[in-house]
N, C-alpha and C. Protein backbone atom coordinates (compact mmCIF):
# COMPACT_ATOMS: atom_id res chain seq x y z
N MET A 1 0.70 -1.17 -0.05
CA MET A 1 -0.07 -0.07 0.03
C MET A 1 0.95 1.21 0.01
N HIS A 2 0.59 2.38 -0.93
CA HIS A 2 1.19 3.40 -0.98
C HIS A 2 0.78 4.34 -0.01
N THR A 3 1.66 5.07 0.84
CA THR A 3 1.20 6.33 1.68
C THR A 3 1.83 7.38 1.20
N THR A 4 2.82 7.60 0.35
CA THR A 4 3.24 8.77 -0.29
C THR A 4 3.08 8.57 -1.81
N ALA A 5 3.20 9.44 -2.68
CA ALA A 5 3.11 9.40 -4.02
C ALA A 5 4.22 8.67 -4.55
N PRO A 6 4.18 7.80 -5.53
CA PRO A 6 5.39 7.01 -6.01
C PRO A 6 6.46 8.11 -6.65
N ALA A 7 7.58 7.82 -6.72
CA ALA A 7 8.59 8.71 -7.13
C ALA A 7 8.47 8.96 -8.70
N SER A 8 7.77 8.08 -9.31
CA SER A 8 7.46 8.26 -10.92
C SER A 8 6.40 9.33 -10.99
N TRP A 9 5.50 9.38 -9.87
CA TRP A 9 4.39 10.23 -10.24
C TRP A 9 4.85 11.80 -9.69
N ALA A 10 5.37 12.62 -10.51
CA ALA A 10 5.84 13.85 -10.13
C ALA A 10 4.92 14.90 -11.00
N PRO A 11 4.71 15.91 -10.46
CA PRO A 11 3.99 16.97 -11.23
C PRO A 11 4.71 17.38 -12.45
N ARG A 12 4.08 17.53 -13.67
CA ARG A 12 4.63 18.06 -14.91
C ARG A 12 4.68 19.50 -14.72
N LEU A 13 5.88 20.26 -14.59
CA LEU A 13 5.99 21.52 -14.35
C LEU A 13 6.38 22.26 -15.73
N PRO A 14 5.50 23.15 -15.88
CA PRO A 14 5.91 23.94 -17.20
C PRO A 14 7.32 24.75 -16.91
N PRO A 15 7.78 25.34 -17.96
CA PRO A 15 9.20 25.95 -18.07
C PRO A 15 9.28 27.04 -17.07
N THR A 16 8.22 27.74 -16.96
CA THR A 16 8.14 29.12 -16.10
C THR A 16 7.30 28.78 -14.99
N HIS A 17 8.01 28.15 -13.88
CA HIS A 17 7.59 27.64 -12.72
C HIS A 17 6.85 28.80 -11.92
N HIS A 18 7.57 29.89 -11.78
CA HIS A 18 7.14 31.06 -10.85
C HIS A 18 5.91 31.35 -11.60
N THR A 19 5.82 31.88 -12.79
CA THR A 19 4.57 32.47 -13.32
C THR A 19 3.52 31.42 -13.31
N TRP A 20 3.75 30.20 -13.53
CA TRP A 20 2.78 29.19 -13.38
C TRP A 20 2.18 29.05 -11.91
N GLU A 21 2.98 29.17 -10.94
CA GLU A 21 2.35 29.30 -9.58
C GLU A 21 1.43 30.47 -9.52
N ASN A 22 1.80 31.53 -9.95
CA ASN A 22 1.06 32.79 -9.85
C ASN A 22 -0.44 32.69 -10.65
N HIS A 23 -0.25 31.99 -11.80
CA HIS A 23 -1.57 31.81 -12.56
C HIS A 23 -2.55 30.74 -11.78
N GLY A 24 -1.79 29.55 -11.25
CA GLY A 24 -2.72 28.75 -10.35
C GLY A 24 -3.11 29.19 -9.26
N ALA A 25 -2.41 30.22 -8.60
CA ALA A 25 -2.98 30.88 -7.23
C ALA A 25 -4.06 31.77 -7.69
N GLN A 26 -4.07 32.66 -8.90
CA GLN A 26 -4.99 33.40 -9.24
C GLN A 26 -6.20 32.63 -9.64
N TRP A 27 -6.00 31.64 -10.39
CA TRP A 27 -7.19 30.66 -10.51
C TRP A 27 -8.08 30.30 -9.45
N LEU A 28 -7.30 29.77 -8.48
CA LEU A 28 -8.00 29.37 -7.21
C LEU A 28 -8.66 30.54 -6.51
N ALA A 29 -8.02 31.61 -6.32
CA ALA A 29 -8.34 32.76 -5.86
C ALA A 29 -9.64 33.31 -6.46
N SER A 30 -9.85 33.14 -7.80
CA SER A 30 -11.01 33.71 -8.47
C SER A 30 -12.37 33.10 -7.95
N THR A 31 -12.15 32.09 -7.16
CA THR A 31 -13.44 31.48 -6.60
C THR A 31 -14.01 32.37 -5.43
N MET A 32 -13.32 33.37 -4.97
CA MET A 32 -13.63 34.24 -3.80
C MET A 32 -14.07 35.55 -4.49
N ASP A 33 -14.76 36.27 -3.63
CA ASP A 33 -15.24 37.57 -3.93
C ASP A 33 -14.84 38.66 -2.83
N PRO A 34 -13.82 39.41 -2.92
CA PRO A 34 -12.81 39.44 -3.97
C PRO A 34 -11.62 38.37 -3.93
N PRO A 35 -11.10 38.19 -5.08
CA PRO A 35 -10.01 37.17 -5.03
C PRO A 35 -8.79 37.44 -4.25
N SER A 36 -8.68 38.82 -3.91
CA SER A 36 -7.38 39.30 -3.20
C SER A 36 -7.48 38.70 -1.83
N ILE A 37 -8.65 38.44 -1.31
CA ILE A 37 -8.54 37.74 0.07
C ILE A 37 -7.49 36.67 0.18
N ILE A 38 -7.78 35.51 -0.75
CA ILE A 38 -6.87 34.26 -0.66
C ILE A 38 -5.22 34.63 -1.04
N LEU A 39 -5.27 35.59 -1.92
CA LEU A 39 -3.78 35.88 -2.35
C LEU A 39 -3.13 36.75 -1.35
N ALA A 40 -3.83 37.58 -0.53
CA ALA A 40 -3.11 38.14 0.68
C ALA A 40 -2.68 37.41 1.74
N GLU A 41 -3.72 36.30 2.02
CA GLU A 41 -3.49 35.35 3.13
C GLU A 41 -2.37 34.41 2.62
N TRP A 42 -2.09 34.04 1.56
CA TRP A 42 -1.01 33.33 1.07
C TRP A 42 0.25 34.07 1.11
N SER A 43 0.17 35.30 0.76
CA SER A 43 1.35 36.44 0.67
C SER A 43 1.88 36.47 2.14
N ASP A 44 0.92 36.79 3.08
CA ASP A 44 1.06 36.86 4.58
C ASP A 44 1.86 35.93 5.30
N SER A 45 1.24 34.74 4.72
CA SER A 45 1.60 33.42 5.65
C SER A 45 1.67 32.32 4.68
N PRO A 46 2.84 32.11 4.17
CA PRO A 46 3.08 30.97 3.18
C PRO A 46 2.55 29.72 3.53
N ASP A 47 2.38 29.41 4.83
CA ASP A 47 1.92 28.10 5.13
C ASP A 47 0.51 28.16 5.47
N HIS A 48 -0.33 29.07 4.94
CA HIS A 48 -1.69 29.38 5.33
C HIS A 48 -2.45 28.37 4.31
N LEU A 49 -3.66 27.75 4.96
CA LEU A 49 -4.38 26.90 4.10
C LEU A 49 -5.69 27.52 3.94
N ALA A 50 -5.94 27.92 2.60
CA ALA A 50 -6.98 28.79 2.10
C ALA A 50 -8.31 27.92 2.26
N GLU A 51 -9.31 28.34 2.46
CA GLU A 51 -10.71 27.76 2.39
C GLU A 51 -11.18 28.05 1.07
N VAL A 52 -11.14 27.24 -0.02
CA VAL A 52 -11.59 27.48 -1.36
C VAL A 52 -12.93 26.91 -1.56
N PRO A 53 -13.85 27.78 -1.87
CA PRO A 53 -15.22 27.24 -2.15
C PRO A 53 -15.39 26.38 -3.22
N LEU A 54 -16.10 25.15 -3.06
CA LEU A 54 -16.40 24.25 -4.06
C LEU A 54 -17.75 24.78 -4.92
N GLY A 55 -17.80 24.25 -6.02
CA GLY A 55 -19.04 24.26 -6.90
C GLY A 55 -18.92 25.86 -7.71
N VAL A 56 -17.88 26.34 -7.63
CA VAL A 56 -17.68 27.71 -8.27
C VAL A 56 -16.91 27.54 -9.78
N LEU A 57 -15.93 26.89 -9.54
CA LEU A 57 -14.89 26.42 -10.74
C LEU A 57 -14.70 25.05 -10.89
N PHE A 58 -14.99 24.32 -9.73
CA PHE A 58 -14.71 22.90 -9.69
C PHE A 58 -15.34 22.17 -8.45
N ASP A 59 -15.58 20.93 -8.48
CA ASP A 59 -15.81 20.22 -7.36
C ASP A 59 -14.55 19.36 -6.98
N VAL A 60 -14.64 18.50 -5.96
CA VAL A 60 -13.40 17.70 -5.62
C VAL A 60 -13.86 16.39 -5.23
N LEU A 61 -12.88 15.50 -5.76
CA LEU A 61 -13.03 14.05 -5.45
C LEU A 61 -12.08 13.59 -4.53
N ARG A 62 -12.37 13.19 -3.47
CA ARG A 62 -11.50 12.85 -2.40
C ARG A 62 -11.34 11.18 -2.36
N VAL A 63 -10.07 10.95 -2.61
CA VAL A 63 -9.77 9.37 -2.61
C VAL A 63 -8.93 8.99 -1.65
N ALA A 64 -9.20 7.76 -1.05
CA ALA A 64 -8.05 7.17 -0.21
C ALA A 64 -6.78 6.93 -0.89
N ASP A 65 -5.69 7.35 -0.16
CA ASP A 65 -4.30 7.03 -0.72
C ASP A 65 -4.18 5.50 -1.33
N ALA A 66 -4.70 4.64 -0.69
CA ALA A 66 -4.70 3.23 -1.02
C ALA A 66 -4.89 2.70 -2.47
N ILE A 67 -6.05 3.48 -2.82
CA ILE A 67 -6.58 3.34 -4.21
C ILE A 67 -6.33 4.29 -5.17
N GLY A 68 -6.37 5.66 -4.56
CA GLY A 68 -5.86 6.96 -5.35
C GLY A 68 -4.67 6.99 -5.91
N LEU A 69 -3.56 6.86 -5.17
CA LEU A 69 -2.31 6.98 -5.73
C LEU A 69 -1.85 5.99 -6.75
N PRO A 70 -2.24 4.70 -6.66
CA PRO A 70 -2.02 3.67 -7.78
C PRO A 70 -2.70 4.03 -9.03
N ALA A 71 -4.10 4.64 -8.88
CA ALA A 71 -4.79 5.01 -10.14
C ALA A 71 -4.30 5.98 -10.72
N LEU A 72 -3.62 7.07 -10.02
CA LEU A 72 -2.94 8.32 -10.63
C LEU A 72 -1.73 7.85 -11.22
N GLU A 73 -1.02 6.87 -10.68
CA GLU A 73 0.11 6.31 -11.45
C GLU A 73 -0.16 5.70 -12.65
N GLU A 74 -1.16 5.02 -12.81
CA GLU A 74 -1.61 4.36 -14.02
C GLU A 74 -2.09 5.48 -15.04
N LEU A 75 -2.80 6.39 -14.55
CA LEU A 75 -3.34 7.36 -15.48
C LEU A 75 -2.12 8.34 -15.86
N TYR A 76 -1.11 8.50 -15.00
CA TYR A 76 -0.09 9.09 -15.41
C TYR A 76 0.71 8.51 -16.56
N GLN A 77 1.05 7.24 -16.32
CA GLN A 77 1.71 6.55 -17.22
C GLN A 77 1.09 6.47 -18.51
N GLN A 78 -0.20 6.40 -18.61
CA GLN A 78 -1.03 6.43 -19.81
C GLN A 78 -1.13 7.74 -20.30
N ARG A 79 -0.48 8.96 -19.81
CA ARG A 79 -0.37 10.21 -20.22
C ARG A 79 -1.78 10.84 -20.44
N VAL A 80 -2.78 10.53 -19.32
CA VAL A 80 -3.99 11.04 -19.54
C VAL A 80 -3.93 12.45 -18.74
N ALA A 81 -4.63 13.41 -19.46
CA ALA A 81 -4.68 14.80 -18.90
C ALA A 81 -5.39 14.77 -17.57
N LEU A 82 -4.43 15.35 -16.75
CA LEU A 82 -5.29 15.28 -15.19
C LEU A 82 -4.93 16.82 -14.79
N GLY A 83 -6.26 17.24 -14.15
CA GLY A 83 -6.18 18.57 -13.49
C GLY A 83 -5.47 18.60 -12.26
N PRO A 84 -5.72 19.51 -11.39
CA PRO A 84 -4.99 19.65 -10.19
C PRO A 84 -5.21 18.61 -9.16
N VAL A 85 -4.22 18.09 -8.47
CA VAL A 85 -4.26 17.01 -7.49
C VAL A 85 -3.60 17.41 -6.15
N LEU A 86 -4.30 17.44 -5.17
CA LEU A 86 -3.80 17.76 -4.07
C LEU A 86 -3.68 16.40 -3.16
N HIS A 87 -2.47 16.26 -2.41
CA HIS A 87 -2.23 15.24 -1.60
C HIS A 87 -2.46 15.63 -0.07
N CYS A 88 -3.13 15.00 0.67
CA CYS A 88 -3.48 15.39 2.17
C CYS A 88 -3.01 14.22 2.86
N GLN A 89 -1.70 14.22 3.54
CA GLN A 89 -1.19 13.34 4.15
C GLN A 89 -1.95 13.14 5.48
N PRO A 90 -2.32 14.05 6.24
CA PRO A 90 -3.11 13.69 7.52
C PRO A 90 -4.41 12.95 7.29
N ARG A 91 -4.93 13.20 6.19
CA ARG A 91 -6.28 12.38 5.85
C ARG A 91 -5.92 11.14 4.87
N GLN A 92 -4.78 11.03 4.54
CA GLN A 92 -4.28 9.90 3.71
C GLN A 92 -5.22 9.92 2.40
N THR A 93 -5.37 11.07 1.82
CA THR A 93 -6.19 11.14 0.59
C THR A 93 -5.48 11.84 -0.48
N VAL A 94 -5.91 11.55 -1.74
CA VAL A 94 -5.46 12.46 -2.84
C VAL A 94 -6.96 13.19 -3.21
N GLU A 95 -6.69 14.48 -3.62
CA GLU A 95 -8.04 15.45 -3.84
C GLU A 95 -7.92 15.84 -5.27
N LEU A 96 -8.75 15.48 -6.04
CA LEU A 96 -8.64 15.76 -7.57
C LEU A 96 -9.84 16.76 -7.74
N LEU A 97 -9.35 17.99 -8.61
CA LEU A 97 -10.39 18.84 -8.90
C LEU A 97 -11.03 18.23 -10.31
N VAL A 98 -12.35 18.20 -9.98
CA VAL A 98 -13.24 17.69 -11.17
C VAL A 98 -14.14 18.91 -11.68
N PRO A 99 -14.90 18.76 -12.70
CA PRO A 99 -15.77 19.70 -13.16
C PRO A 99 -16.92 19.87 -12.15
N VAL A 100 -17.41 21.16 -12.02
CA VAL A 100 -18.69 21.44 -11.29
C VAL A 100 -19.80 20.55 -11.81
N GLY A 101 -20.52 20.02 -10.76
CA GLY A 101 -21.75 19.07 -11.03
C GLY A 101 -21.34 17.64 -10.83
N ALA A 102 -19.98 17.31 -11.00
CA ALA A 102 -19.51 15.96 -10.57
C ALA A 102 -20.09 15.37 -9.29
N ALA A 103 -20.09 16.35 -8.20
CA ALA A 103 -20.60 15.66 -6.85
C ALA A 103 -21.78 15.12 -6.92
N GLU A 104 -22.69 15.85 -7.70
CA GLU A 104 -24.13 15.47 -7.77
C GLU A 104 -24.41 14.09 -8.47
N LYS A 105 -23.27 13.90 -9.44
CA LYS A 105 -23.59 12.66 -10.51
C LYS A 105 -22.66 11.44 -9.87
N TRP A 106 -21.88 11.73 -8.92
CA TRP A 106 -20.79 10.70 -8.51
C TRP A 106 -21.62 9.52 -7.86
N ASP A 107 -21.72 8.40 -8.37
CA ASP A 107 -21.90 7.19 -7.60
C ASP A 107 -20.91 6.86 -6.70
N ALA A 108 -21.15 6.80 -5.53
CA ALA A 108 -19.86 6.50 -4.35
C ALA A 108 -19.26 5.05 -4.83
N LEU A 109 -17.91 5.17 -4.94
CA LEU A 109 -17.15 3.98 -4.68
C LEU A 109 -16.54 3.94 -3.53
N ARG A 110 -16.27 2.66 -2.83
CA ARG A 110 -15.62 2.65 -1.61
C ARG A 110 -14.30 3.47 -1.72
N GLY A 111 -13.92 4.27 -0.59
CA GLY A 111 -12.73 5.02 -0.52
C GLY A 111 -12.67 6.33 -1.27
N THR A 112 -13.98 6.76 -1.61
CA THR A 112 -14.37 7.89 -2.47
C THR A 112 -15.30 8.87 -1.91
N VAL A 113 -15.22 10.07 -1.93
CA VAL A 113 -16.26 11.11 -1.59
C VAL A 113 -16.06 12.23 -2.59
N CYS A 114 -17.01 12.51 -3.11
CA CYS A 114 -17.16 13.77 -4.10
C CYS A 114 -17.86 14.85 -3.23
N ALA A 115 -17.28 16.12 -3.34
CA ALA A 115 -18.02 17.30 -2.68
C ALA A 115 -18.20 18.39 -3.61
N GLY A 116 -19.25 19.17 -3.57
CA GLY A 116 -19.34 20.08 -4.53
C GLY A 116 -19.95 21.51 -3.58
N GLN A 117 -21.00 21.99 -4.43
CA GLN A 117 -21.50 23.07 -3.88
C GLN A 117 -21.61 23.21 -2.31
N GLY A 118 -21.27 24.33 -1.74
CA GLY A 118 -21.43 24.32 -0.07
C GLY A 118 -20.05 23.78 0.65
N GLY A 119 -19.39 23.12 -0.08
CA GLY A 119 -18.07 22.60 0.42
C GLY A 119 -16.93 23.48 0.43
N THR A 120 -15.73 22.98 0.92
CA THR A 120 -14.62 23.75 0.62
C THR A 120 -13.45 22.95 0.50
N LEU A 121 -12.25 23.35 -0.22
CA LEU A 121 -11.05 22.73 -0.30
C LEU A 121 -10.08 23.59 0.65
N ARG A 122 -9.49 22.86 1.52
CA ARG A 122 -8.41 23.45 2.22
C ARG A 122 -7.06 23.15 1.49
N CYS A 123 -6.50 24.19 1.04
CA CYS A 123 -5.20 23.96 0.31
C CYS A 123 -4.17 25.20 0.53
N PRO A 124 -2.96 24.75 0.27
CA PRO A 124 -1.88 25.60 0.36
C PRO A 124 -1.76 26.42 -0.94
N ALA A 125 -1.13 27.37 -1.11
CA ALA A 125 -0.67 28.12 -2.40
C ALA A 125 0.00 27.00 -3.24
N PRO A 126 -0.20 27.08 -4.58
CA PRO A 126 0.53 26.25 -5.62
C PRO A 126 2.22 26.43 -5.29
N GLY A 127 2.78 25.27 -5.06
CA GLY A 127 4.25 25.52 -4.90
C GLY A 127 4.73 25.33 -3.45
N THR A 128 3.85 25.19 -2.60
CA THR A 128 3.88 25.31 -1.09
C THR A 128 3.40 23.92 -0.63
N VAL A 129 4.11 23.78 0.56
CA VAL A 129 3.32 22.65 1.35
C VAL A 129 3.12 23.14 2.81
N SER A 130 2.05 22.82 3.16
CA SER A 130 1.33 23.24 4.69
C SER A 130 0.74 22.03 5.24
N ARG A 131 1.08 21.87 6.38
CA ARG A 131 0.44 20.99 7.48
C ARG A 131 0.11 19.45 6.72
N GLY A 132 0.98 19.00 5.92
CA GLY A 132 0.88 17.76 5.34
C GLY A 132 0.18 17.90 4.12
N ARG A 133 -0.17 18.86 3.46
CA ARG A 133 -0.93 19.13 2.24
C ARG A 133 0.17 19.70 1.12
N THR A 134 0.14 19.13 -0.02
CA THR A 134 1.00 19.65 -1.03
C THR A 134 0.23 19.15 -2.50
N TRP A 135 0.62 20.11 -3.31
CA TRP A 135 -0.04 19.60 -4.82
C TRP A 135 1.04 18.80 -5.45
N LEU A 136 0.50 17.67 -5.86
CA LEU A 136 1.09 16.69 -6.53
C LEU A 136 1.01 17.24 -8.19
N GLN A 137 -0.11 17.85 -8.49
CA GLN A 137 -0.09 18.49 -9.90
C GLN A 137 -0.92 19.84 -9.71
N PRO A 138 -0.17 20.82 -9.33
CA PRO A 138 -0.76 22.06 -8.98
C PRO A 138 -1.55 22.67 -10.11
N PRO A 139 -2.36 23.53 -9.55
CA PRO A 139 -3.30 24.16 -10.66
C PRO A 139 -2.40 25.06 -11.62
N SER A 140 -2.68 25.14 -13.02
CA SER A 140 -1.95 25.76 -13.61
C SER A 140 -2.61 27.14 -14.03
N GLY A 141 -3.85 27.26 -13.79
CA GLY A 141 -4.52 28.60 -14.16
C GLY A 141 -5.17 28.36 -15.47
N THR A 142 -5.10 27.32 -16.16
CA THR A 142 -5.82 27.14 -17.56
C THR A 142 -7.12 26.59 -17.27
N GLY A 143 -7.69 26.13 -15.97
CA GLY A 143 -8.86 25.56 -15.93
C GLY A 143 -9.04 24.05 -16.06
N VAL A 144 -7.93 23.23 -16.68
CA VAL A 144 -8.15 22.02 -17.04
C VAL A 144 -8.55 21.16 -15.65
N LEU A 145 -9.51 20.28 -15.69
CA LEU A 145 -9.86 19.50 -14.66
C LEU A 145 -9.90 17.90 -15.06
N THR A 146 -9.79 16.98 -14.17
CA THR A 146 -9.81 15.79 -14.39
C THR A 146 -11.21 15.20 -14.76
N ASP A 147 -11.26 14.37 -15.73
CA ASP A 147 -12.55 13.87 -16.25
C ASP A 147 -12.97 12.80 -15.01
N PRO A 148 -14.01 13.02 -14.44
CA PRO A 148 -14.52 11.80 -13.42
C PRO A 148 -14.90 10.56 -14.02
N GLU A 149 -15.20 10.30 -15.22
CA GLU A 149 -15.36 9.14 -15.86
C GLU A 149 -14.13 8.29 -16.12
N VAL A 150 -13.15 8.96 -16.42
CA VAL A 150 -11.95 8.42 -16.62
C VAL A 150 -11.26 7.91 -15.50
N LEU A 151 -11.34 8.96 -14.28
CA LEU A 151 -11.02 8.61 -13.04
C LEU A 151 -11.59 7.36 -12.53
N ARG A 152 -12.92 7.41 -12.61
CA ARG A 152 -13.82 6.26 -12.08
C ARG A 152 -13.38 4.94 -12.52
N ALA A 153 -13.12 4.88 -13.99
CA ALA A 153 -12.66 3.69 -14.62
C ALA A 153 -11.28 3.08 -14.05
N ALA A 154 -10.15 4.18 -13.65
CA ALA A 154 -9.20 3.76 -13.03
C ALA A 154 -9.21 3.27 -11.42
N LEU A 155 -10.26 3.93 -10.92
CA LEU A 155 -10.47 3.59 -9.36
C LEU A 155 -11.31 2.27 -9.13
N MET A 156 -12.21 2.05 -10.02
CA MET A 156 -13.26 0.93 -9.75
C MET A 156 -12.61 -0.33 -9.49
N PRO A 157 -11.66 -0.91 -10.22
CA PRO A 157 -10.95 -2.24 -9.88
C PRO A 157 -10.11 -2.05 -8.59
N ARG A 158 -9.73 -1.06 -8.18
CA ARG A 158 -8.88 -0.83 -6.98
C ARG A 158 -10.05 -0.86 -5.75
N ALA A 159 -10.94 -0.10 -5.99
CA ALA A 159 -12.10 0.05 -4.93
C ALA A 159 -12.65 -1.44 -4.64
N ARG A 160 -12.82 -2.02 -5.68
CA ARG A 160 -13.38 -3.47 -5.51
C ARG A 160 -12.70 -4.40 -4.88
N ARG A 161 -11.29 -4.37 -4.99
CA ARG A 161 -10.38 -5.13 -4.42
C ARG A 161 -9.92 -4.80 -2.86
N SER A 162 -10.17 -3.60 -2.67
CA SER A 162 -9.66 -2.92 -1.37
C SER A 162 -10.62 -3.47 -0.22
N HIS A 163 -10.06 -4.01 0.76
CA HIS A 163 -10.71 -4.78 1.95
C HIS A 163 -10.61 -3.80 3.16
N HIS A 164 -9.59 -3.07 3.06
CA HIS A 164 -9.10 -2.36 4.34
C HIS A 164 -9.87 -0.92 4.39
N LEU A 165 -10.57 -0.42 3.53
CA LEU A 165 -11.10 0.84 3.62
C LEU A 165 -12.46 0.89 4.38
């Protein structure tokens, strides 16, 4: 069982990392009114965990590490386009940003929970680590999100086999 991301599963960083982090932070902040709230909190305290509202730009699928990390490894090796992925060590979950409305349509799989409108994502600024949370695939600011059906296909066999969740 994996409890940390495999070494081969590393974020795909664009050439201008600093600019990319700013675009990703601005994209996450755009869920707030005004966006400057989150940006100021991250600027004042780099280890701050922002409470980003769900159901504005994205929903979040929380998946137990035991099935989520191997599924991500498989998708990464298949070169599937993935949206932002947050690893939450304290919860032992990976949290994938998926399109708005996915939470309403998600048929629960063992070891998964999908949250949307009314929920929040507690996350550090892209490029930082805070309280055991780090972006495995930070937001780029492009709005690319993970396709929940592709993710379901990768998770389903692992969820069925997993007896310890």
